Amino acid sequence: MGLSLGERRELRKIGRAVRRSDRRLDSMLSAFSSFNMGESKPRWETLHMTPRRMLSQLRPGVTPRS
């Protein structure tokens, strides 16, 4: 499940604010990103969306049952 256009814009805005406010943090994040580029995410970090959970994301107020 990807991010919406608004969420991506908000993340870019946050990224620009971080770059302006803390150059060292920005350089560390850039280095970390370049080291991990092309690596797959560990299996335990992968989120799995069940059809019921996806439906609950589309219809607010509907909670998925376990």
C-alpha atoms as a PDB file:
ATOM      1  CA  MET A   1       0.000   0.000   0.000  1.00  0.00           C
ATOM      2  CA  GLY A   2       1.632   3.236  -1.132  1.00  0.00           C
ATOM      3  CA  LEU A   3       1.427   6.727   0.213  1.00  0.00           C
ATOM      4  CA  SER A   4      -1.092   9.185  -1.140  1.00  0.00           C
ATOM      5  CA  LEU A   5       0.048  12.263  -3.033  1.00  0.00           C
ATOM      6  CA  GLY A   6      -0.674  14.475  -0.021  1.00  0.00           C
ATOM      7  CA  GLU A   7       1.343  12.223   2.284  1.00  0.00           C
ATOM      8  CA  ARG A   8       4.295  12.234  -0.126  1.00  0.00           C
ATOM      9  CA  ARG A   9       4.155  16.040  -0.324  1.00  0.00           C
ATOM     10  CA  GLU A  10       4.069  16.296   3.465  1.00  0.00           C
ATOM     11  CA  LEU A  11       7.095  13.996   3.783  1.00  0.00           C
ATOM     12  CA  ARG A  12       9.024  16.089   1.231  1.00  0.00           C
ATOM     13  CA  LYS A  13       8.149  19.229   3.202  1.00  0.00           C
ATOM     14  CA  ILE A  14       9.400  17.615   6.422  1.00  0.00           C
ATOM     15  CA  GLY A  15      12.579  16.501   4.639  1.00  0.00           C
ATOM     16  CA  ARG A  16      13.289  20.035   3.434  1.00  0.00           C
ATOM     17  CA  ALA A  17      12.724  21.411   6.946  1.00  0.00           C
ATOM     18  CA  VAL A  18      15.164  18.849   8.395  1.00  0.00           C
ATOM     19  CA  ARG A  19      17.771  19.696   5.749  1.00  0.00           C
ATOM     20  CA  ARG A  20      17.512  23.394   6.589  1.00  0.00           C
ATOM     21  CA  SER A  21      17.536  22.936  10.362  1.00  0.00           C
ATOM     22  CA  ASP A  22      20.123  20.176  10.876  1.00  0.00           C
ATOM     23  CA  ARG A  23      22.776  19.683   8.199  1.00  0.00           C
ATOM     24  CA  ARG A  24      24.530  16.909  10.139  1.00  0.00           C
ATOM     25  CA  LEU A  25      21.353  14.863  10.512  1.00  0.00           C
ATOM     26  CA  ASP A  26      20.673  15.334   6.794  1.00  0.00           C
ATOM     27  CA  SER A  27      24.129  14.060   5.868  1.00  0.00           C
ATOM     28  CA  MET A  28      23.766  11.026   8.160  1.00  0.00           C
ATOM     29  CA  LEU A  29      20.378  10.204   6.641  1.00  0.00           C
ATOM     30  CA  SER A  30      21.827  10.526   3.129  1.00  0.00           C
ATOM     31  CA  ALA A  31      24.698   8.198   4.003  1.00  0.00           C
ATOM     32  CA  PHE A  32      22.335   5.661   5.569  1.00  0.00           C
ATOM     33  CA  SER A  33      20.045   5.775   2.530  1.00  0.00           C
ATOM     34  CA  SER A  34      22.918   5.248   0.102  1.00  0.00           C
ATOM     35  CA  PHE A  35      24.250   2.280   2.106  1.00  0.00           C
ATOM     36  CA  ASN A  36      20.819   0.612   2.069  1.00  0.00           C
ATOM     37  CA  MET A  37      19.863   1.415  -1.506  1.00  0.00           C
ATOM     38  CA  GLY A  38      18.789  -1.690  -3.371  1.00  0.00           C
ATOM     39  CA  GLU A  39      18.556  -3.844  -0.252  1.00  0.00           C
ATOM     40  CA  SER A  40      15.337  -5.691   0.392  1.00  0.00           C
ATOM     41  CA  LYS A  41      13.428  -5.106   3.580  1.00  0.00           C
ATOM     42  CA  PRO A  42      13.721  -7.862   6.219  1.00  0.00           C
ATOM     43  CA  ARG A  43      10.710 -10.170   6.172  1.00  0.00           C
ATOM     44  CA  TRP A  44       9.713  -9.277   9.734  1.00  0.00           C
ATOM     45  CA  GLU A  45       9.461  -5.580   8.735  1.00  0.00           C
ATOM     46  CA  THR A  46       7.067  -6.261   5.871  1.00  0.00           C
ATOM     47  CA  LEU A  47       3.428  -5.427   6.530  1.00  0.00           C
ATOM     48  CA  HIS A  48       0.805  -7.745   5.119  1.00  0.00           C
ATOM     49  CA  MET A  49      -2.601  -6.318   4.338  1.00  0.00           C
ATOM     50  CA  THR A  50      -5.486  -8.744   4.540  1.00  0.00           C
ATOM     51  CA  PRO A  51      -8.550  -8.003   2.396  1.00  0.00           C
ATOM     52  CA  ARG A  52     -10.526  -7.153   5.537  1.00  0.00           C
ATOM     53  CA  ARG A  53      -7.857  -4.700   6.719  1.00  0.00           C
ATOM     54  CA  MET A  54      -7.702  -3.081   3.262  1.00  0.00           C
ATOM     55  CA  LEU A  55     -11.475  -2.623   3.335  1.00  0.00           C
ATOM     56  CA  SER A  56     -11.274  -0.976   6.750  1.00  0.00           C
ATOM     57  CA  GLN A  57      -8.738   1.495   5.312  1.00  0.00           C
ATOM     58  CA  LEU A  58     -11.202   2.433   2.579  1.00  0.00           C
ATOM     59  CA  ARG A  59     -14.238   2.719   4.850  1.00  0.00           C
ATOM     60  CA  PRO A  60     -13.594   4.859   7.942  1.00  0.00           C
ATOM     61  CA  GLY A  61     -15.275   3.621  11.086  1.00  0.00           C
ATOM     62  CA  VAL A  62     -15.032  -0.059  10.127  1.00  0.00           C
ATOM     63  CA  THR A  63     -12.629  -1.923  12.385  1.00  0.00           C
ATOM     64  CA  PRO A  64     -11.096  -5.220  11.281  1.00  0.00           C
ATOM     65  CA  ARG A  65     -11.805  -8.288  13.404  1.00  0.00           C
ATOM     66  CA  SER A  66      -8.845 -10.454  14.376  1.00  0.00           C
END
